[in-house]
Amino acid sequence: MNMTMTTMITKYMTTNTKNDGTNLTGVLLVVFIVLKLTNLINWSWLWVLSPLWIPVGMVVVFTVLTALVVLIMEAFKRW
């Protein structure tokens, strides 16, 4: 049986991935909302919903860092 690398990777990814829809930010969001609605915490809704902003913040930080690296590399190419 002769498989190419792409075929092997595709087969591995389709058979060995499990995504049940739960992640840390989703769990934190539900926990914070339940705690807020049961009056166990007295946070503003901005902080209760903060797990929604974690992935957005990570994308923004990654984008800014990537842009800085590209700008620095372009500046050194000119020298």
PDB file of N, CA and C in Angstrom:
ATOM      1  N   MET A   1       0.849  -1.174   0.000  1.00  0.00           N
ATOM      2  CA  MET A   1       0.000   0.000   0.000  1.00  0.00           C
ATOM      3  C   MET A   1       0.895   1.237   0.000  1.00  0.00           C
ATOM      4  N   ASN A   2       0.863   1.986  -1.062  1.00  0.00           N
ATOM      5  CA  ASN A   2       1.720   3.152  -1.218  1.00  0.00           C
ATOM      6  C   ASN A   2       0.874   4.418  -1.089  1.00  0.00           C
ATOM      7  N   MET A   3       1.077   5.150   0.032  1.00  0.00           N
ATOM      8  CA  MET A   3       0.316   6.380   0.274  1.00  0.00           C
ATOM      9  C   MET A   3       1.258   7.569   0.206  1.00  0.00           C
ATOM     10  N   THR A   4       0.774   8.643  -0.366  1.00  0.00           N
ATOM     11  CA  THR A   4       1.560   9.857  -0.353  1.00  0.00           C
ATOM     12  C   THR A   4       1.445  10.506   1.018  1.00  0.00           C
ATOM     13  N   MET A   5       2.350  11.420   1.300  1.00  0.00           N
ATOM     14  CA  MET A   5       2.344  12.102   2.593  1.00  0.00           C
ATOM     15  C   MET A   5       1.038  12.869   2.803  1.00  0.00           C
ATOM     16  N   THR A   6       0.545  13.511   1.754  1.00  0.00           N
ATOM     17  CA  THR A   6      -0.702  14.265   1.867  1.00  0.00           C
ATOM     18  C   THR A   6      -1.868  13.349   2.208  1.00  0.00           C
ATOM     19  N   THR A   7      -1.910  12.187   1.588  1.00  0.00           N
ATOM     20  CA  THR A   7      -2.980  11.240   1.870  1.00  0.00           C
ATOM     21  C   THR A   7      -2.915  10.753   3.312  1.00  0.00           C
ATOM     22  N   MET A   8      -1.696  10.488   3.798  1.00  0.00           N
ATOM     23  CA  MET A   8      -1.542  10.020   5.177  1.00  0.00           C
ATOM     24  C   MET A   8      -1.960  11.092   6.178  1.00  0.00           C
ATOM     25  N   ILE A   9      -1.560  12.342   5.915  1.00  0.00           N
ATOM     26  CA  ILE A   9      -1.915  13.438   6.825  1.00  0.00           C
ATOM     27  C   ILE A   9      -3.424  13.651   6.821  1.00  0.00           C
ATOM     28  N   THR A  10      -4.028  13.626   5.632  1.00  0.00           N
ATOM     29  CA  THR A  10      -5.478  13.805   5.539  1.00  0.00           C
ATOM     30  C   THR A  10      -6.215  12.704   6.284  1.00  0.00           C
ATOM     31  N   LYS A  11      -5.757  11.469   6.123  1.00  0.00           N
ATOM     32  CA  LYS A  11      -6.393  10.352   6.806  1.00  0.00           C
ATOM     33  C   LYS A  11      -6.236  10.482   8.315  1.00  0.00           C
ATOM     34  N   TYR A  12      -5.039  10.877   8.762  1.00  0.00           N
ATOM     35  CA  TYR A  12      -4.807  11.051  10.200  1.00  0.00           C
ATOM     36  C   TYR A  12      -5.701  12.147  10.775  1.00  0.00           C
ATOM     37  N   MET A  13      -5.802  13.276  10.069  1.00  0.00           N
ATOM     38  CA  MET A  13      -6.581  14.406  10.573  1.00  0.00           C
ATOM     39  C   MET A  13      -8.068  14.073  10.634  1.00  0.00           C
ATOM     40  N   THR A  14      -8.561  13.305   9.698  1.00  0.00           N
ATOM     41  CA  THR A  14      -9.994  13.000   9.694  1.00  0.00           C
ATOM     42  C   THR A  14     -10.353  11.914  10.697  1.00  0.00           C
ATOM     43  N   THR A  15      -9.406  11.045  11.036  1.00  0.00           N
ATOM     44  CA  THR A  15      -9.717   9.956  11.957  1.00  0.00           C
ATOM     45  C   THR A  15      -9.336  10.272  13.400  1.00  0.00           C
ATOM     46  N   ASN A  16      -8.383  11.181  13.611  1.00  0.00           N
ATOM     47  CA  ASN A  16      -7.871  11.411  14.956  1.00  0.00           C
ATOM     48  C   ASN A  16      -8.194  12.786  15.519  1.00  0.00           C
ATOM     49  N   THR A  17      -9.132  13.483  14.947  1.00  0.00           N
ATOM     50  CA  THR A  17      -9.516  14.779  15.502  1.00  0.00           C
ATOM     51  C   THR A  17     -10.860  14.652  16.184  1.00  0.00           C
ATOM     52  N   LYS A  18     -10.945  15.291  17.321  1.00  0.00           N
ATOM     53  CA  LYS A  18     -12.199  15.279  18.057  1.00  0.00           C
ATOM     54  C   LYS A  18     -12.465  16.709  18.517  1.00  0.00           C
ATOM     55  N   ASN A  19     -13.539  17.253  18.053  1.00  0.00           N
ATOM     56  CA  ASN A  19     -13.911  18.596  18.454  1.00  0.00           C
ATOM     57  C   ASN A  19     -15.338  18.531  18.963  1.00  0.00           C
ATOM     58  N   ASP A  20     -15.452  18.523  20.286  1.00  0.00           N
ATOM     59  CA  ASP A  20     -16.789  18.429  20.866  1.00  0.00           C
ATOM     60  C   ASP A  20     -17.386  19.800  21.159  1.00  0.00           C
ATOM     61  N   GLY A  21     -16.704  20.870  20.730  1.00  0.00           N
ATOM     62  CA  GLY A  21     -17.257  22.206  20.869  1.00  0.00           C
ATOM     63  C   GLY A  21     -16.943  22.902  22.172  1.00  0.00           C
ATOM     64  N   THR A  22     -16.238  22.253  23.074  1.00  0.00           N
ATOM     65  CA  THR A  22     -15.907  22.909  24.335  1.00  0.00           C
ATOM     66  C   THR A  22     -14.474  23.393  24.302  1.00  0.00           C
ATOM     67  N   ASN A  23     -14.260  24.548  24.866  1.00  0.00           N
ATOM     68  CA  ASN A  23     -12.920  25.077  25.030  1.00  0.00           C
ATOM     69  C   ASN A  23     -12.891  25.914  26.301  1.00  0.00           C
ATOM     70  N   LEU A  24     -11.716  26.333  26.687  1.00  0.00           N
ATOM     71  CA  LEU A  24     -11.568  27.039  27.953  1.00  0.00           C
ATOM     72  C   LEU A  24     -12.366  28.336  27.991  1.00  0.00           C
ATOM     73  N   THR A  25     -12.332  29.106  26.920  1.00  0.00           N
ATOM     74  CA  THR A  25     -13.043  30.380  26.939  1.00  0.00           C
ATOM     75  C   THR A  25     -14.560  30.176  26.998  1.00  0.00           C
ATOM     76  N   GLY A  26     -15.066  29.150  26.333  1.00  0.00           N
ATOM     77  CA  GLY A  26     -16.499  28.864  26.381  1.00  0.00           C
ATOM     78  C   GLY A  26     -16.949  28.448  27.767  1.00  0.00           C
ATOM     79  N   VAL A  27     -16.148  27.602  28.400  1.00  0.00           N
ATOM     80  CA  VAL A  27     -16.478  27.161  29.760  1.00  0.00           C
ATOM     81  C   VAL A  27     -16.420  28.341  30.722  1.00  0.00           C
ATOM     82  N   LEU A  28     -15.366  29.158  30.622  1.00  0.00           N
ATOM     83  CA  LEU A  28     -15.257  30.334  31.493  1.00  0.00           C
ATOM     84  C   LEU A  28     -16.435  31.280  31.298  1.00  0.00           C
ATOM     85  N   LEU A  29     -16.843  31.469  30.057  1.00  0.00           N
ATOM     86  CA  LEU A  29     -17.968  32.358  29.773  1.00  0.00           C
ATOM     87  C   LEU A  29     -19.237  31.872  30.467  1.00  0.00           C
ATOM     88  N   VAL A  30     -19.530  30.592  30.349  1.00  0.00           N
ATOM     89  CA  VAL A  30     -20.732  30.035  30.980  1.00  0.00           C
ATOM     90  C   VAL A  30     -20.635  30.159  32.499  1.00  0.00           C
ATOM     91  N   VAL A  31     -19.476  29.838  33.053  1.00  0.00           N
ATOM     92  CA  VAL A  31     -19.300  29.922  34.509  1.00  0.00           C
ATOM     93  C   VAL A  31     -19.487  31.359  34.993  1.00  0.00           C
ATOM     94  N   PHE A  32     -18.867  32.316  34.304  1.00  0.00           N
ATOM     95  CA  PHE A  32     -18.991  33.714  34.713  1.00  0.00           C
ATOM     96  C   PHE A  32     -20.432  34.212  34.615  1.00  0.00           C
ATOM     97  N   ILE A  33     -21.146  33.824  33.563  1.00  0.00           N
ATOM     98  CA  ILE A  33     -22.539  34.257  33.411  1.00  0.00           C
ATOM     99  C   ILE A  33     -23.402  33.667  34.516  1.00  0.00           C
ATOM    100  N   VAL A  34     -23.200  32.396  34.820  1.00  0.00           N
ATOM    101  CA  VAL A  34     -23.981  31.763  35.896  1.00  0.00           C
ATOM    102  C   VAL A  34     -23.683  32.445  37.229  1.00  0.00           C
ATOM    103  N   LEU A  35     -22.406  32.702  37.502  1.00  0.00           N
ATOM    104  CA  LEU A  35     -22.049  33.373  38.760  1.00  0.00           C
ATOM    105  C   LEU A  35     -22.647  34.777  38.836  1.00  0.00           C
ATOM    106  N   LYS A  36     -22.661  35.488  37.728  1.00  0.00           N
ATOM    107  CA  LYS A  36     -23.237  36.838  37.703  1.00  0.00           C
ATOM    108  C   LYS A  36     -24.750  36.787  37.917  1.00  0.00           C
ATOM    109  N   LEU A  37     -25.431  35.876  37.236  1.00  0.00           N
ATOM    110  CA  LEU A  37     -26.886  35.807  37.341  1.00  0.00           C
ATOM    111  C   LEU A  37     -27.351  35.298  38.709  1.00  0.00           C
ATOM    112  N   THR A  38     -26.510  34.546  39.393  1.00  0.00           N
ATOM    113  CA  THR A  38     -26.867  34.073  40.739  1.00  0.00           C
ATOM    114  C   THR A  38     -26.364  35.019  41.818  1.00  0.00           C
ATOM    115  N   ASN A  39     -25.837  36.162  41.419  1.00  0.00           N
ATOM    116  CA  ASN A  39     -25.332  37.200  42.323  1.00  0.00           C
ATOM    117  C   ASN A  39     -24.210  36.715  43.234  1.00  0.00           C
ATOM    118  N   LEU A  40     -23.425  35.766  42.785  1.00  0.00           N
ATOM    119  CA  LEU A  40     -22.269  35.326  43.558  1.00  0.00           C
ATOM    120  C   LEU A  40     -21.045  36.193  43.279  1.00  0.00           C
ATOM    121  N   ILE A  41     -21.045  36.884  42.157  1.00  0.00           N
ATOM    122  CA  ILE A  41     -20.000  37.861  41.865  1.00  0.00           C
ATOM    123  C   ILE A  41     -20.672  39.179  41.516  1.00  0.00           C
ATOM    124  N   ASN A  42     -19.982  40.258  41.795  1.00  0.00           N
ATOM    125  CA  ASN A  42     -20.532  41.584  41.539  1.00  0.00           C
ATOM    126  C   ASN A  42     -19.663  42.303  40.514  1.00  0.00           C
ATOM    127  N   TRP A  43     -19.360  41.621  39.416  1.00  0.00           N
ATOM    128  CA  TRP A  43     -18.540  42.188  38.359  1.00  0.00           C
ATOM    129  C   TRP A  43     -19.434  42.911  37.359  1.00  0.00           C
ATOM    130  N   SER A  44     -18.818  43.835  36.621  1.00  0.00           N
ATOM    131  CA  SER A  44     -19.564  44.444  35.520  1.00  0.00           C
ATOM    132  C   SER A  44     -19.678  43.423  34.392  1.00  0.00           C
ATOM    133  N   TRP A  45     -20.652  43.647  33.514  1.00  0.00           N
ATOM    134  CA  TRP A  45     -20.852  42.713  32.411  1.00  0.00           C
ATOM    135  C   TRP A  45     -19.664  42.702  31.465  1.00  0.00           C
ATOM    136  N   LEU A  46     -18.890  43.784  31.440  1.00  0.00           N
ATOM    137  CA  LEU A  46     -17.683  43.811  30.615  1.00  0.00           C
ATOM    138  C   LEU A  46     -16.722  42.705  31.028  1.00  0.00           C
ATOM    139  N   TRP A  47     -16.537  42.535  32.348  1.00  0.00           N
ATOM    140  CA  TRP A  47     -15.632  41.493  32.836  1.00  0.00           C
ATOM    141  C   TRP A  47     -16.261  40.105  32.750  1.00  0.00           C
ATOM    142  N   VAL A  48     -17.559  40.026  32.915  1.00  0.00           N
ATOM    143  CA  VAL A  48     -18.228  38.724  32.806  1.00  0.00           C
ATOM    144  C   VAL A  48     -18.096  38.185  31.379  1.00  0.00           C
ATOM    145  N   LEU A  49     -18.194  39.055  30.405  1.00  0.00           N
ATOM    146  CA  LEU A  49     -18.105  38.643  29.010  1.00  0.00           C
ATOM    147  C   LEU A  49     -16.675  38.680  28.464  1.00  0.00           C
ATOM    148  N   SER A  50     -15.707  38.907  29.329  1.00  0.00           N
ATOM    149  CA  SER A  50     -14.318  39.000  28.882  1.00  0.00           C
ATOM    150  C   SER A  50     -13.790  37.744  28.180  1.00  0.00           C
ATOM    151  N   PRO A  51     -14.247  36.524  28.505  1.00  0.00           N
ATOM    152  CA  PRO A  51     -13.753  35.375  27.731  1.00  0.00           C
ATOM    153  C   PRO A  51     -14.048  35.462  26.232  1.00  0.00           C
ATOM    154  N   LEU A  52     -15.034  36.256  25.845  1.00  0.00           N
ATOM    155  CA  LEU A  52     -15.293  36.452  24.421  1.00  0.00           C
ATOM    156  C   LEU A  52     -14.173  37.241  23.765  1.00  0.00           C
ATOM    157  N   TRP A  53     -13.527  38.106  24.534  1.00  0.00           N
ATOM    158  CA  TRP A  53     -12.500  38.978  23.988  1.00  0.00           C
ATOM    159  C   TRP A  53     -11.117  38.335  23.968  1.00  0.00           C
ATOM    160  N   ILE A  54     -10.913  37.226  24.662  1.00  0.00           N
ATOM    161  CA  ILE A  54      -9.596  36.591  24.702  1.00  0.00           C
ATOM    162  C   ILE A  54      -9.126  36.174  23.307  1.00  0.00           C
ATOM    163  N   PRO A  55      -9.923  35.446  22.525  1.00  0.00           N
ATOM    164  CA  PRO A  55      -9.438  35.081  21.177  1.00  0.00           C
ATOM    165  C   PRO A  55      -9.240  36.302  20.275  1.00  0.00           C
ATOM    166  N   VAL A  56     -10.105  37.294  20.412  1.00  0.00           N
ATOM    167  CA  VAL A  56      -9.963  38.511  19.605  1.00  0.00           C
ATOM    168  C   VAL A  56      -8.662  39.216  19.959  1.00  0.00           C
ATOM    169  N   GLY A  57      -8.372  39.309  21.243  1.00  0.00           N
ATOM    170  CA  GLY A  57      -7.130  39.942  21.687  1.00  0.00           C
ATOM    171  C   GLY A  57      -5.903  39.198  21.196  1.00  0.00           C
ATOM    172  N   MET A  58      -5.971  37.885  21.197  1.00  0.00           N
ATOM    173  CA  MET A  58      -4.838  37.100  20.715  1.00  0.00           C
ATOM    174  C   MET A  58      -4.596  37.335  19.228  1.00  0.00           C
ATOM    175  N   VAL A  59      -5.657  37.438  18.452  1.00  0.00           N
ATOM    176  CA  VAL A  59      -5.513  37.702  17.018  1.00  0.00           C
ATOM    177  C   VAL A  59      -4.920  39.085  16.794  1.00  0.00           C
ATOM    178  N   VAL A  60      -5.372  40.074  17.558  1.00  0.00           N
ATOM    179  CA  VAL A  60      -4.851  41.438  17.411  1.00  0.00           C
ATOM    180  C   VAL A  60      -3.362  41.477  17.754  1.00  0.00           C
ATOM    181  N   VAL A  61      -2.973  40.847  18.861  1.00  0.00           N
ATOM    182  CA  VAL A  61      -1.565  40.833  19.261  1.00  0.00           C
ATOM    183  C   VAL A  61      -0.720  40.132  18.206  1.00  0.00           C
ATOM    184  N   PHE A  62      -1.181  38.990  17.720  1.00  0.00           N
ATOM    185  CA  PHE A  62      -0.441  38.260  16.687  1.00  0.00           C
ATOM    186  C   PHE A  62      -0.298  39.097  15.415  1.00  0.00           C
ATOM    187  N   THR A  63      -1.355  39.788  15.026  1.00  0.00           N
ATOM    188  CA  THR A  63      -1.315  40.613  13.818  1.00  0.00           C
ATOM    189  C   THR A  63      -0.337  41.770  13.969  1.00  0.00           C
ATOM    190  N   VAL A  64      -0.368  42.432  15.125  1.00  0.00           N
ATOM    191  CA  VAL A  64       0.546  43.554  15.358  1.00  0.00           C
ATOM    192  C   VAL A  64       1.993  43.072  15.368  1.00  0.00           C
ATOM    193  N   LEU A  65       2.268  41.958  16.043  1.00  0.00           N
ATOM    194  CA  LEU A  65       3.634  41.435  16.078  1.00  0.00           C
ATOM    195  C   LEU A  65       4.112  41.031  14.687  1.00  0.00           C
ATOM    196  N   THR A  66       3.249  40.422  13.914  1.00  0.00           N
ATOM    197  CA  THR A  66       3.610  40.040  12.551  1.00  0.00           C
ATOM    198  C   THR A  66       3.911  41.271  11.704  1.00  0.00           C
ATOM    199  N   ALA A  67       3.087  42.296  11.836  1.00  0.00           N
ATOM    200  CA  ALA A  67       3.311  43.537  11.080  1.00  0.00           C
ATOM    201  C   ALA A  67       4.639  44.181  11.486  1.00  0.00           C
ATOM    202  N   LEU A  68       4.957  44.170  12.779  1.00  0.00           N
ATOM    203  CA  LEU A  68       6.227  44.741  13.230  1.00  0.00           C
ATOM    204  C   LEU A  68       7.416  43.971  12.670  1.00  0.00           C
ATOM    205  N   VAL A  69       7.326  42.656  12.676  1.00  0.00           N
ATOM    206  CA  VAL A  69       8.421  41.850  12.131  1.00  0.00           C
ATOM    207  C   VAL A  69       8.603  42.135  10.646  1.00  0.00           C
ATOM    208  N   VAL A  70       7.512  42.228   9.908  1.00  0.00           N
ATOM    209  CA  VAL A  70       7.598  42.508   8.469  1.00  0.00           C
ATOM    210  C   VAL A  70       8.197  43.892   8.234  1.00  0.00           C
ATOM    211  N   LEU A  71       7.776  44.882   9.002  1.00  0.00           N
ATOM    212  CA  LEU A  71       8.321  46.235   8.844  1.00  0.00           C
ATOM    213  C   LEU A  71       9.806  46.275   9.160  1.00  0.00           C
ATOM    214  N   ILE A  72      10.221  45.588  10.203  1.00  0.00           N
ATOM    215  CA  ILE A  72      11.640  45.568  10.561  1.00  0.00           C
ATOM    216  C   ILE A  72      12.448  44.867   9.475  1.00  0.00           C
ATOM    217  N   MET A  73      11.930  43.769   8.954  1.00  0.00           N
ATOM    218  CA  MET A  73      12.642  43.063   7.883  1.00  0.00           C
ATOM    219  C   MET A  73      12.750  43.930   6.634  1.00  0.00           C
ATOM    220  N   GLU A  74      11.696  44.662   6.307  1.00  0.00           N
ATOM    221  CA  GLU A  74      11.749  45.560   5.142  1.00  0.00           C
ATOM    222  C   GLU A  74      12.735  46.695   5.362  1.00  0.00           C
ATOM    223  N   ALA A  75      12.823  47.208   6.595  1.00  0.00           N
ATOM    224  CA  ALA A  75      13.761  48.285   6.881  1.00  0.00           C
ATOM    225  C   ALA A  75      15.204  47.800   6.727  1.00  0.00           C
ATOM    226  N   PHE A  76      15.501  46.570   7.140  1.00  0.00           N
ATOM    227  CA  PHE A  76      16.846  46.054   7.009  1.00  0.00           C
ATOM    228  C   PHE A  76      17.201  45.696   5.562  1.00  0.00           C
ATOM    229  N   LYS A  77      16.202  45.406   4.735  1.00  0.00           N
ATOM    230  CA  LYS A  77      16.463  45.124   3.329  1.00  0.00           C
ATOM    231  C   LYS A  77      16.954  46.372   2.601  1.00  0.00           C
ATOM    232  N   ARG A  78      16.529  47.542   3.032  1.00  0.00           N
ATOM    233  CA  ARG A  78      16.882  48.794   2.375  1.00  0.00           C
ATOM    234  C   ARG A  78      18.330  49.179   2.645  1.00  0.00           C
ATOM    235  N   TRP A  79      18.905  48.690   3.727  1.00  0.00           N
ATOM    236  CA  TRP A  79      20.292  49.045   4.053  1.00  0.00           C
ATOM    237  C   TRP A  79      21.190  48.293   3.217  1.00  0.00           C
TER     238      TRP A  79
END
